[in-house]
Every structure is written in C-alpha cells, then in structure tokens.
Amino acid sequence: MSTFSPADWMAAISDDAPLCRLAIPGSLDAGTDSLTKHIRRQNGDLAAQFACGVRYFQFRLDTDRSGRPVICRGVFKGEPLWKALKTLRTLMDENPREFLLIDVAPCKPVDLGAARLTFSADAAAVDPRLTETIDPMTYAMIDFPRLTALTLGDIRRAKKRYLLLNRRAEYLCTVSPRFFDPCCGYPREDEPAQDYAKAVLRRLAEKRRHPGFIRLTPEKLTGGPFNGKTDDAENAVLQAIRLNAPLLQAANIIADGFMTDKAALCRRIIALNLDKGFVREEDAAAFKEGFEA
C-alpha cells in the first residue's frame, strides 16, 4: 500500500472539505530565503517549502529602482516576483492534484523613529507578472458565492489551481479574504509562553465560526521570527486543538517562519485533517501511515 507524503497530501482530501476549514501549513514571508541570514524568514526555497506540505504562500512586495515588483522584508529587497511565481507554476504543473493559496500584497509600512517607510507594488507592474507566469485567467478560482461554502470539490470541478488573495483585491483575479489571527500581537516580556498559548486557544474558540480564513501564526509563541525551531508552546497549541472538537474544526491555515526547519510541525498540521474527517475513507489508512508514523 502506497502512503501519502507532505508533497501530495491534498490528493487524499475529500471533495466536501471546506477550504476555509482545511488544516493547511503556510509560509510567512515566502521567498525571502535569498536574503541574508538575519533578515530572511524562510531558509528553504519555495520548492522545499512545498515538499514540506506548505500550500499557503505569503509574499510581501515592493518595487525596485527599475520598476519591477520584488519580494521584500521591510526595506530589504529579494528576488523578482516573476521568479517566485515561475517556481509556483512549475510546482503546479508537476503536482496537478495540489491546490495553492497565494497571498500577494505590498509590504506593511515600517516605522523608524518619527519616520514611516511605505512600500508599493502597483497593479500595472504586478498583473503582467501574474499573467506571464501563473495565468490567473485560466487557473485562479474566482467564481464562487461565499468563501465559507467553497470546497475542494468545487475547485476540482472548475479545474482551478489556486486562490489569489489580496485584502484590497487590487491585482488581477485576486479575492479579498477575511483573516482572523488568534495570535494577535506578541506575548508580553513577562508573560509565560504557556499562558499566551492559552489566550490564543481562547480567542480561537471565540472566533471558531469566523466567516473566512483563520490564520494561526504560532511563531509568536516562541518569541519571534528568528527562533527557527518548534518549541513546547507550539506543540501545546497543536495538541490542544487536536483534543478539542470545536478548536479542531476551526483550525485552518497555520503559518510560520522557517517552515523547512519545521518539517515535523508541517506533518502534524496536515495530520489534523484526518481528525477533522476530511480524508477520503478509501485513503484514510494510507494517509494515517504517512503522517502518524
């Protein structure tokens, strides 16, 4: 019996699984692996993140001196957007049963003392890069009544490959998602990680019927993006989610930095779909063997 792996896990998910309740590993600041060690937020490239099971990719953008949209982390500019999108297109072509969430937006402003630095990536520059690489007019899922009603079966029947997300729907074929992150803000310096984890779970329980994506960013439990390791607080949150039915059904995108360093975390996120009942019955044994070994 062949088993499923992080590289092909979506193939085992049933058609009736709602996209906004599927447990999906995600990469924050995807594409920053080309930046210097103390600036990047991902060590592995996009292909390595995909192989770990990541299906939500967050790209934050700016414009370089030539007018090209580039991936950035604050003032630090990385590779051109087209290069990252071309990699995603290759992954799409090589893995026809997988579906992606691609989140593209200008980087948030950065405050430096009294000065505020802003970043831009105009549609006039971004849309052509989208068209020439991932072809949104053909592959982006845009025709659906409500996000909460959108299932993998809807996506498969429409022969679409990704959802292109942007809060302002400012780019070609983007949809404006409603995100709720129960990890809002970092813990206080004097706040134990376990206490902060309990607060995160409480907020998740309160918003479990949120009409959109719930994006949990557990790196805030570990003191910031340069940690690079899964610690006890992250483990405690995932275990609590798994053992609590309302929290389990609410768990959706679980996104973090340094996802290729957290392969075990990715596997445990994906395994939540078995507990949720989203794995096809005929694939459940192979899925369990692949993710609970």
C-alpha atoms as a PDB file:
ATOM      1  CA  MET A   1       0.000   0.000   0.000  1.00  0.00           C
ATOM      2  CA  SER A   2       1.436   3.353  -1.025  1.00  0.00           C
ATOM      3  CA  THR A   3       1.270   6.159   1.527  1.00  0.00           C
ATOM      4  CA  PHE A   4       0.784   9.893   1.227  1.00  0.00           C
ATOM      5  CA  SER A   5       3.537  12.400   1.934  1.00  0.00           C
ATOM      6  CA  PRO A   6       3.686  16.169   2.503  1.00  0.00           C
ATOM      7  CA  ALA A   7       4.361  16.552  -1.223  1.00  0.00           C
ATOM      8  CA  ASP A   8       0.977  15.109  -2.275  1.00  0.00           C
ATOM      9  CA  TRP A   9      -1.277  15.299   0.784  1.00  0.00           C
ATOM     10  CA  MET A  10      -4.142  17.198  -0.845  1.00  0.00           C
ATOM     11  CA  ALA A  11      -4.820  14.285  -3.180  1.00  0.00           C
ATOM     12  CA  ALA A  12      -6.273  12.401  -0.193  1.00  0.00           C
ATOM     13  CA  ILE A  13      -8.684  15.161   0.862  1.00  0.00           C
ATOM     14  CA  SER A  14     -12.369  14.604   0.128  1.00  0.00           C
ATOM     15  CA  ASP A  15     -14.348  16.822  -2.227  1.00  0.00           C
ATOM     16  CA  ASP A  16     -16.638  18.105   0.513  1.00  0.00           C
ATOM     17  CA  ALA A  17     -13.803  19.578   2.624  1.00  0.00           C
ATOM     18  CA  PRO A  18     -14.310  23.379   3.019  1.00  0.00           C
ATOM     19  CA  LEU A  19     -11.197  25.304   2.033  1.00  0.00           C
ATOM     20  CA  CYS A  20     -11.535  27.702   4.968  1.00  0.00           C
ATOM     21  CA  ARG A  21     -11.606  24.808   7.457  1.00  0.00           C
ATOM     22  CA  LEU A  22      -8.906  22.624   5.926  1.00  0.00           C
ATOM     23  CA  ALA A  23      -5.709  22.422   8.026  1.00  0.00           C
ATOM     24  CA  ILE A  24      -3.056  23.958   5.770  1.00  0.00           C
ATOM     25  CA  PRO A  25       0.626  24.613   6.540  1.00  0.00           C
ATOM     26  CA  GLY A  26       1.666  28.097   5.442  1.00  0.00           C
ATOM     27  CA  SER A  27       4.840  30.119   4.909  1.00  0.00           C
ATOM     28  CA  LEU A  28       5.030  33.686   6.172  1.00  0.00           C
ATOM     29  CA  ASP A  29       7.253  35.894   4.003  1.00  0.00           C
ATOM     30  CA  ALA A  30       7.744  33.105   1.498  1.00  0.00           C
ATOM     31  CA  GLY A  31      10.522  33.795  -0.986  1.00  0.00           C
ATOM     32  CA  THR A  32      12.841  35.540   1.470  1.00  0.00           C
ATOM     33  CA  ASP A  33      15.370  32.676   1.533  1.00  0.00           C
ATOM     34  CA  SER A  34      17.638  34.711  -0.777  1.00  0.00           C
ATOM     35  CA  LEU A  35      18.023  37.449   1.849  1.00  0.00           C
ATOM     36  CA  THR A  36      20.835  37.467   4.396  1.00  0.00           C
ATOM     37  CA  LYS A  37      20.714  35.110   7.362  1.00  0.00           C
ATOM     38  CA  HIS A  38      19.410  37.602   9.916  1.00  0.00           C
ATOM     39  CA  ILE A  39      16.779  39.094   7.589  1.00  0.00           C
ATOM     40  CA  ARG A  40      15.217  36.100   5.850  1.00  0.00           C
ATOM     41  CA  ARG A  41      12.143  34.454   7.307  1.00  0.00           C
ATOM     42  CA  GLN A  42      12.432  31.199   5.362  1.00  0.00           C
ATOM     43  CA  ASN A  43      15.578  29.132   4.929  1.00  0.00           C
ATOM     44  CA  GLY A  44      14.340  26.763   2.234  1.00  0.00           C
ATOM     45  CA  ASP A  45      13.239  27.834  -1.227  1.00  0.00           C
ATOM     46  CA  LEU A  46       9.643  27.582  -2.445  1.00  0.00           C
ATOM     47  CA  ALA A  47      10.087  24.062  -3.804  1.00  0.00           C
ATOM     48  CA  ALA A  48      11.455  22.882  -0.450  1.00  0.00           C
ATOM     49  CA  GLN A  49       8.551  24.532   1.383  1.00  0.00           C
ATOM     50  CA  PHE A  50       6.073  22.852  -0.973  1.00  0.00           C
ATOM     51  CA  ALA A  51       7.762  19.479  -0.378  1.00  0.00           C
ATOM     52  CA  CYS A  52       7.231  20.010   3.374  1.00  0.00           C
ATOM     53  CA  GLY A  53       3.492  20.370   2.739  1.00  0.00           C
ATOM     54  CA  VAL A  54       3.147  24.160   2.604  1.00  0.00           C
ATOM     55  CA  ARG A  55       0.179  25.259   0.468  1.00  0.00           C
ATOM     56  CA  TYR A  56      -0.285  28.842   1.691  1.00  0.00           C
ATOM     57  CA  PHE A  57       2.429  31.202   0.444  1.00  0.00           C
ATOM     58  CA  GLN A  58       2.551  34.792   1.693  1.00  0.00           C
ATOM     59  CA  PHE A  59       4.525  37.216  -0.494  1.00  0.00           C
ATOM     60  CA  ARG A  60       5.186  40.801   0.589  1.00  0.00           C
ATOM     61  CA  LEU A  61       6.196  43.137  -2.199  1.00  0.00           C
ATOM     62  CA  ASP A  62       7.994  46.363  -3.044  1.00  0.00           C
ATOM     63  CA  THR A  63       9.243  47.915  -6.280  1.00  0.00           C
ATOM     64  CA  ASP A  64      12.908  48.137  -7.230  1.00  0.00           C
ATOM     65  CA  ARG A  65      14.619  51.031  -8.994  1.00  0.00           C
ATOM     66  CA  SER A  66      13.778  49.520 -12.378  1.00  0.00           C
ATOM     67  CA  GLY A  67      10.060  49.484 -11.566  1.00  0.00           C
ATOM     68  CA  ARG A  68       9.927  45.712 -11.108  1.00  0.00           C
ATOM     69  CA  PRO A  69       7.881  44.167  -8.273  1.00  0.00           C
ATOM     70  CA  VAL A  70      10.199  42.280  -5.936  1.00  0.00           C
ATOM     71  CA  ILE A  71       9.763  40.197  -2.807  1.00  0.00           C
ATOM     72  CA  CYS A  72      10.872  42.087   0.266  1.00  0.00           C
ATOM     73  CA  ARG A  73      11.014  42.059   4.025  1.00  0.00           C
ATOM     74  CA  GLY A  74      10.706  45.665   5.043  1.00  0.00           C
ATOM     75  CA  VAL A  75      13.495  47.675   3.439  1.00  0.00           C
ATOM     76  CA  PHE A  76      15.354  44.532   2.347  1.00  0.00           C
ATOM     77  CA  LYS A  77      14.634  43.529  -1.233  1.00  0.00           C
ATOM     78  CA  GLY A  78      14.906  39.977  -2.525  1.00  0.00           C
ATOM     79  CA  GLU A  79      14.249  38.193  -5.794  1.00  0.00           C
ATOM     80  CA  PRO A  80      11.888  39.471  -8.514  1.00  0.00           C
ATOM     81  CA  LEU A  81       8.260  38.439  -8.097  1.00  0.00           C
ATOM     82  CA  TRP A  82       8.202  36.789 -11.520  1.00  0.00           C
ATOM     83  CA  LYS A  83      10.897  34.335 -10.435  1.00  0.00           C
ATOM     84  CA  ALA A  84       8.909  33.173  -7.396  1.00  0.00           C
ATOM     85  CA  LEU A  85       5.730  32.878  -9.446  1.00  0.00           C
ATOM     86  CA  LYS A  86       7.543  30.876 -12.119  1.00  0.00           C
ATOM     87  CA  THR A  87       8.598  28.393  -9.424  1.00  0.00           C
ATOM     88  CA  LEU A  88       4.994  28.103  -8.242  1.00  0.00           C
ATOM     89  CA  ARG A  89       3.884  27.471 -11.835  1.00  0.00           C
ATOM     90  CA  THR A  90       6.404  24.641 -12.124  1.00  0.00           C
ATOM     91  CA  LEU A  91       5.115  23.154  -8.871  1.00  0.00           C
ATOM     92  CA  MET A  92       1.546  23.444 -10.171  1.00  0.00           C
ATOM     93  CA  ASP A  93       2.443  21.658 -13.406  1.00  0.00           C
ATOM     94  CA  GLU A  94       4.336  18.903 -11.622  1.00  0.00           C
ATOM     95  CA  ASN A  95       1.657  18.351  -8.963  1.00  0.00           C
ATOM     96  CA  PRO A  96      -1.738  18.579 -10.679  1.00  0.00           C
ATOM     97  CA  ARG A  97      -3.727  17.334  -7.648  1.00  0.00           C
ATOM     98  CA  GLU A  98      -2.479  20.037  -5.267  1.00  0.00           C
ATOM     99  CA  PHE A  99      -4.088  23.466  -4.710  1.00  0.00           C
ATOM    100  CA  LEU A 100      -2.376  26.663  -3.534  1.00  0.00           C
ATOM    101  CA  LEU A 101      -3.288  29.804  -1.632  1.00  0.00           C
ATOM    102  CA  ILE A 102      -1.126  32.666  -2.915  1.00  0.00           C
ATOM    103  CA  ASP A 103      -1.245  35.824  -0.784  1.00  0.00           C
ATOM    104  CA  VAL A 104       0.285  38.870  -2.510  1.00  0.00           C
ATOM    105  CA  ALA A 105       0.358  42.418  -1.150  1.00  0.00           C
ATOM    106  CA  PRO A 106       2.725  45.358  -0.665  1.00  0.00           C
ATOM    107  CA  CYS A 107       4.808  45.132   2.481  1.00  0.00           C
ATOM    108  CA  LYS A 108       3.315  46.854   5.507  1.00  0.00           C
ATOM    109  CA  PRO A 109       4.758  50.261   6.464  1.00  0.00           C
ATOM    110  CA  VAL A 110       7.756  50.292   8.778  1.00  0.00           C
ATOM    111  CA  ASP A 111       8.147  52.941  11.460  1.00  0.00           C
ATOM    112  CA  LEU A 112      11.698  54.149  12.087  1.00  0.00           C
ATOM    113  CA  GLY A 113      11.500  56.675  14.875  1.00  0.00           C
ATOM    114  CA  ALA A 114       9.429  59.575  13.620  1.00  0.00           C
ATOM    115  CA  ALA A 115       9.678  58.401  10.007  1.00  0.00           C
ATOM    116  CA  ARG A 116       7.324  55.922   8.343  1.00  0.00           C
ATOM    117  CA  LEU A 117       8.595  53.953   5.349  1.00  0.00           C
ATOM    118  CA  THR A 118       5.964  52.770   2.898  1.00  0.00           C
ATOM    119  CA  PHE A 119       6.184  50.192   0.130  1.00  0.00           C
ATOM    120  CA  SER A 120       4.330  49.817  -3.140  1.00  0.00           C
ATOM    121  CA  ALA A 121       3.681  47.276  -5.858  1.00  0.00           C
ATOM    122  CA  ASP A 122       1.249  48.709  -8.387  1.00  0.00           C
ATOM    123  CA  ALA A 123      -1.160  46.517 -10.326  1.00  0.00           C
ATOM    124  CA  ALA A 124       0.270  47.896 -13.571  1.00  0.00           C
ATOM    125  CA  ALA A 125       3.548  46.176 -12.710  1.00  0.00           C
ATOM    126  CA  VAL A 126       2.236  43.107 -10.841  1.00  0.00           C
ATOM    127  CA  ASP A 127      -0.567  41.982 -13.175  1.00  0.00           C
ATOM    128  CA  PRO A 128       1.696  41.315 -16.190  1.00  0.00           C
ATOM    129  CA  ARG A 129       3.976  39.176 -13.979  1.00  0.00           C
ATOM    130  CA  LEU A 130       0.962  37.176 -12.798  1.00  0.00           C
ATOM    131  CA  THR A 131      -0.279  36.702 -16.364  1.00  0.00           C
ATOM    132  CA  GLU A 132       3.014  35.553 -17.837  1.00  0.00           C
ATOM    133  CA  THR A 133       3.745  33.042 -15.061  1.00  0.00           C
ATOM    134  CA  ILE A 134       0.709  31.572 -13.275  1.00  0.00           C
ATOM    135  CA  ASP A 135      -2.008  32.663 -15.768  1.00  0.00           C
ATOM    136  CA  PRO A 136      -4.795  33.756 -13.371  1.00  0.00           C
ATOM    137  CA  MET A 137      -7.438  33.968 -16.086  1.00  0.00           C
ATOM    138  CA  THR A 138      -7.100  30.209 -16.547  1.00  0.00           C
ATOM    139  CA  TYR A 139      -6.108  28.868 -13.138  1.00  0.00           C
ATOM    140  CA  ALA A 140      -7.303  31.264 -10.406  1.00  0.00           C
ATOM    141  CA  MET A 141     -10.522  30.332  -8.594  1.00  0.00           C
ATOM    142  CA  ILE A 142     -12.707  33.436  -8.623  1.00  0.00           C
ATOM    143  CA  ASP A 143     -16.276  32.284  -9.338  1.00  0.00           C
ATOM    144  CA  PHE A 144     -17.848  31.249  -6.042  1.00  0.00           C
ATOM    145  CA  PRO A 145     -20.626  32.795  -3.917  1.00  0.00           C
ATOM    146  CA  ARG A 146     -19.106  32.612  -0.416  1.00  0.00           C
ATOM    147  CA  LEU A 147     -15.683  31.621   0.842  1.00  0.00           C
ATOM    148  CA  THR A 148     -17.205  29.582   3.677  1.00  0.00           C
ATOM    149  CA  ALA A 149     -19.075  27.458   1.130  1.00  0.00           C
ATOM    150  CA  LEU A 150     -16.091  26.833  -1.172  1.00  0.00           C
ATOM    151  CA  THR A 151     -14.954  23.194  -1.127  1.00  0.00           C
ATOM    152  CA  LEU A 152     -12.101  21.315  -2.734  1.00  0.00           C
ATOM    153  CA  GLY A 153     -14.699  19.591  -4.907  1.00  0.00           C
ATOM    154  CA  ASP A 154     -15.811  22.982  -6.286  1.00  0.00           C
ATOM    155  CA  ILE A 155     -12.212  23.799  -7.110  1.00  0.00           C
ATOM    156  CA  ARG A 156     -11.526  20.431  -8.730  1.00  0.00           C
ATOM    157  CA  ARG A 157     -14.663  20.543 -10.859  1.00  0.00           C
ATOM    158  CA  ALA A 158     -13.734  24.043 -12.038  1.00  0.00           C
ATOM    159  CA  LYS A 159     -10.234  22.783 -12.894  1.00  0.00           C
ATOM    160  CA  LYS A 160      -8.633  25.637 -10.951  1.00  0.00           C
ATOM    161  CA  ARG A 161      -5.261  25.508  -9.208  1.00  0.00           C
ATOM    162  CA  TYR A 162      -5.079  28.326  -6.705  1.00  0.00           C
ATOM    163  CA  LEU A 163      -6.792  31.168  -4.905  1.00  0.00           C
ATOM    164  CA  LEU A 164      -5.052  34.519  -5.322  1.00  0.00           C
ATOM    165  CA  LEU A 165      -5.505  36.571  -2.149  1.00  0.00           C
ATOM    166  CA  ASN A 166      -5.213  40.307  -1.628  1.00  0.00           C
ATOM    167  CA  ARG A 167      -7.047  42.277   1.054  1.00  0.00           C
ATOM    168  CA  ARG A 168      -7.961  45.058  -1.379  1.00  0.00           C
ATOM    169  CA  ALA A 169      -8.427  42.787  -4.409  1.00  0.00           C
ATOM    170  CA  GLU A 170      -6.057  45.166  -6.202  1.00  0.00           C
ATOM    171  CA  TYR A 171      -4.466  42.652  -8.569  1.00  0.00           C
ATOM    172  CA  LEU A 172      -5.796  40.565 -11.441  1.00  0.00           C
ATOM    173  CA  CYS A 173      -8.185  37.798 -10.302  1.00  0.00           C
ATOM    174  CA  THR A 174      -7.494  38.399  -6.615  1.00  0.00           C
ATOM    175  CA  VAL A 175     -10.165  37.841  -3.997  1.00  0.00           C
ATOM    176  CA  SER A 176     -10.372  39.783  -0.750  1.00  0.00           C
ATOM    177  CA  PRO A 177     -10.196  37.352   2.171  1.00  0.00           C
ATOM    178  CA  ARG A 178     -11.292  37.889   5.734  1.00  0.00           C
ATOM    179  CA  PHE A 179      -8.463  36.761   8.011  1.00  0.00           C
ATOM    180  CA  PHE A 180      -8.631  36.260  11.734  1.00  0.00           C
ATOM    181  CA  ASP A 181      -5.406  35.507  13.605  1.00  0.00           C
ATOM    182  CA  PRO A 182      -5.854  34.441  17.247  1.00  0.00           C
ATOM    183  CA  CYS A 183      -2.105  35.048  17.719  1.00  0.00           C
ATOM    184  CA  CYS A 184      -2.651  38.803  17.607  1.00  0.00           C
ATOM    185  CA  GLY A 185       0.425  40.515  18.976  1.00  0.00           C
ATOM    186  CA  TYR A 186       3.492  39.039  20.630  1.00  0.00           C
ATOM    187  CA  PRO A 187       3.500  37.933  24.269  1.00  0.00           C
ATOM    188  CA  ARG A 188       4.492  40.479  26.874  1.00  0.00           C
ATOM    189  CA  GLU A 189       8.064  40.093  28.046  1.00  0.00           C
ATOM    190  CA  ASP A 190       6.834  38.876  31.419  1.00  0.00           C
ATOM    191  CA  GLU A 191       4.105  36.612  30.042  1.00  0.00           C
ATOM    192  CA  PRO A 192       4.890  32.863  30.130  1.00  0.00           C
ATOM    193  CA  ALA A 193       4.540  31.201  26.740  1.00  0.00           C
ATOM    194  CA  GLN A 194       2.054  28.665  28.090  1.00  0.00           C
ATOM    195  CA  ASP A 195      -0.214  31.463  29.369  1.00  0.00           C
ATOM    196  CA  TYR A 196      -0.049  33.159  25.990  1.00  0.00           C
ATOM    197  CA  ALA A 197      -0.873  29.836  24.315  1.00  0.00           C
ATOM    198  CA  LYS A 198      -3.988  29.528  26.480  1.00  0.00           C
ATOM    199  CA  ALA A 199      -5.067  33.018  25.436  1.00  0.00           C
ATOM    200  CA  VAL A 200      -4.583  32.078  21.774  1.00  0.00           C
ATOM    201  CA  LEU A 201      -6.767  28.995  22.198  1.00  0.00           C
ATOM    202  CA  ARG A 202      -9.436  31.044  23.970  1.00  0.00           C
ATOM    203  CA  ARG A 203      -9.554  33.550  21.081  1.00  0.00           C
ATOM    204  CA  LEU A 204      -9.688  30.700  18.581  1.00  0.00           C
ATOM    205  CA  ALA A 205     -12.666  29.195  20.429  1.00  0.00           C
ATOM    206  CA  GLU A 206     -14.467  32.545  20.463  1.00  0.00           C
ATOM    207  CA  LYS A 207     -13.983  33.074  16.710  1.00  0.00           C
ATOM    208  CA  ARG A 208     -14.330  29.485  15.524  1.00  0.00           C
ATOM    209  CA  ARG A 209     -17.256  30.460  13.261  1.00  0.00           C
ATOM    210  CA  HIS A 210     -15.323  33.318  11.626  1.00  0.00           C
ATOM    211  CA  PRO A 211     -16.646  33.721   8.034  1.00  0.00           C
ATOM    212  CA  GLY A 212     -13.270  33.456   6.329  1.00  0.00           C
ATOM    213  CA  PHE A 213      -9.770  32.130   6.840  1.00  0.00           C
ATOM    214  CA  ILE A 214      -8.419  31.603  10.343  1.00  0.00           C
ATOM    215  CA  ARG A 215      -4.669  32.106  10.057  1.00  0.00           C
ATOM    216  CA  LEU A 216      -2.815  30.948  13.147  1.00  0.00           C
ATOM    217  CA  THR A 217       0.792  32.193  13.359  1.00  0.00           C
ATOM    218  CA  PRO A 218       2.355  30.175  16.183  1.00  0.00           C
ATOM    219  CA  GLU A 219       5.844  31.677  15.825  1.00  0.00           C
ATOM    220  CA  LYS A 220       4.589  34.433  18.126  1.00  0.00           C
ATOM    221  CA  LEU A 221       4.508  31.795  20.841  1.00  0.00           C
ATOM    222  CA  THR A 222       8.262  31.350  20.546  1.00  0.00           C
ATOM    223  CA  GLY A 223       9.480  34.917  20.698  1.00  0.00           C
ATOM    224  CA  GLY A 224       9.765  35.954  17.068  1.00  0.00           C
ATOM    225  CA  PRO A 225      10.813  35.005  13.551  1.00  0.00           C
ATOM    226  CA  PHE A 226      14.468  34.245  14.305  1.00  0.00           C
ATOM    227  CA  ASN A 227      13.703  31.292  16.543  1.00  0.00           C
ATOM    228  CA  GLY A 228      13.700  28.703  13.748  1.00  0.00           C
ATOM    229  CA  LYS A 229      12.525  25.816  15.942  1.00  0.00           C
ATOM    230  CA  THR A 230       9.269  24.273  17.114  1.00  0.00           C
ATOM    231  CA  ASP A 231       9.095  24.565  20.888  1.00  0.00           C
ATOM    232  CA  ASP A 232       6.799  23.348  23.664  1.00  0.00           C
ATOM    233  CA  ALA A 233       4.299  26.177  23.226  1.00  0.00           C
ATOM    234  CA  GLU A 234       3.646  25.328  19.573  1.00  0.00           C
ATOM    235  CA  ASN A 235       3.311  21.661  20.484  1.00  0.00           C
ATOM    236  CA  ALA A 236       0.886  22.511  23.271  1.00  0.00           C
ATOM    237  CA  VAL A 237      -1.322  24.553  20.947  1.00  0.00           C
ATOM    238  CA  LEU A 238      -1.497  21.827  18.296  1.00  0.00           C
ATOM    239  CA  GLN A 239      -2.185  19.140  20.886  1.00  0.00           C
ATOM    240  CA  ALA A 240      -4.943  21.222  22.464  1.00  0.00           C
ATOM    241  CA  ILE A 241      -6.506  21.831  19.039  1.00  0.00           C
ATOM    242  CA  ARG A 242      -6.431  18.128  18.261  1.00  0.00           C
ATOM    243  CA  LEU A 243      -8.153  17.171  21.528  1.00  0.00           C
ATOM    244  CA  ASN A 244     -10.877  19.835  21.416  1.00  0.00           C
ATOM    245  CA  ALA A 245     -13.557  19.270  18.765  1.00  0.00           C
ATOM    246  CA  PRO A 246     -14.615  22.944  18.270  1.00  0.00           C
ATOM    247  CA  LEU A 247     -10.989  24.077  18.051  1.00  0.00           C
ATOM    248  CA  LEU A 248     -10.159  21.216  15.712  1.00  0.00           C
ATOM    249  CA  GLN A 249     -12.895  22.177  13.276  1.00  0.00           C
ATOM    250  CA  ALA A 250     -11.824  25.849  13.398  1.00  0.00           C
ATOM    251  CA  ALA A 251      -8.113  25.222  12.748  1.00  0.00           C
ATOM    252  CA  ASN A 252      -7.295  26.352   9.225  1.00  0.00           C
ATOM    253  CA  ILE A 253      -4.103  27.998   7.933  1.00  0.00           C
ATOM    254  CA  ILE A 254      -1.240  27.508  10.395  1.00  0.00           C
ATOM    255  CA  ALA A 255       1.580  29.645   9.052  1.00  0.00           C
ATOM    256  CA  ASP A 256       5.052  30.275  10.390  1.00  0.00           C
ATOM    257  CA  GLY A 257       8.584  31.283   9.547  1.00  0.00           C
ATOM    258  CA  PHE A 258      11.329  28.790   8.714  1.00  0.00           C
ATOM    259  CA  MET A 259       8.900  26.057   7.654  1.00  0.00           C
ATOM    260  CA  THR A 260      11.561  23.840   6.083  1.00  0.00           C
ATOM    261  CA  ASP A 261      13.172  23.716   9.539  1.00  0.00           C
ATOM    262  CA  LYS A 262       9.826  22.601  10.931  1.00  0.00           C
ATOM    263  CA  ALA A 263       9.013  19.552   8.831  1.00  0.00           C
ATOM    264  CA  ALA A 264       7.561  17.764  11.858  1.00  0.00           C
ATOM    265  CA  LEU A 265       5.267  20.727  12.536  1.00  0.00           C
ATOM    266  CA  CYS A 266       4.041  20.648   8.928  1.00  0.00           C
ATOM    267  CA  ARG A 267       3.276  16.936   9.177  1.00  0.00           C
ATOM    268  CA  ARG A 268       1.294  17.427  12.378  1.00  0.00           C
ATOM    269  CA  ILE A 269      -0.705  20.269  10.828  1.00  0.00           C
ATOM    270  CA  ILE A 270      -1.564  18.103   7.814  1.00  0.00           C
ATOM    271  CA  ALA A 271      -2.451  15.162  10.087  1.00  0.00           C
ATOM    272  CA  LEU A 272      -5.178  17.311  11.696  1.00  0.00           C
ATOM    273  CA  ASN A 273      -7.219  16.729   8.524  1.00  0.00           C
ATOM    274  CA  LEU A 274      -7.554  13.075   9.464  1.00  0.00           C
ATOM    275  CA  ASP A 275      -9.000  14.078  12.847  1.00  0.00           C
ATOM    276  CA  LYS A 276     -11.280  16.568  11.102  1.00  0.00           C
ATOM    277  CA  GLY A 277     -12.729  13.796   8.926  1.00  0.00           C
ATOM    278  CA  PHE A 278     -11.580  15.444   5.690  1.00  0.00           C
ATOM    279  CA  VAL A 279      -9.554  12.498   4.360  1.00  0.00           C
ATOM    280  CA  ARG A 280     -11.337  10.201   1.906  1.00  0.00           C
ATOM    281  CA  GLU A 281     -12.351   6.940   3.537  1.00  0.00           C
ATOM    282  CA  GLU A 282     -10.517   4.838   0.978  1.00  0.00           C
ATOM    283  CA  ASP A 283      -7.299   6.831   1.578  1.00  0.00           C
ATOM    284  CA  ALA A 284      -7.510   7.126   5.373  1.00  0.00           C
ATOM    285  CA  ALA A 285      -5.254   4.150   6.181  1.00  0.00           C
ATOM    286  CA  ALA A 286      -2.523   5.258   3.743  1.00  0.00           C
ATOM    287  CA  PHE A 287      -2.810   8.858   4.972  1.00  0.00           C
ATOM    288  CA  LYS A 288      -2.527   7.779   8.599  1.00  0.00           C
ATOM    289  CA  GLU A 289       0.509   5.649   7.834  1.00  0.00           C
ATOM    290  CA  GLY A 290       2.159   8.554   6.034  1.00  0.00           C
ATOM    291  CA  PHE A 291       1.518  11.206   8.698  1.00  0.00           C
ATOM    292  CA  GLU A 292       1.239   9.428  12.020  1.00  0.00           C
ATOM    293  CA  ALA A 293       4.215   7.107  11.702  1.00  0.00           C
END
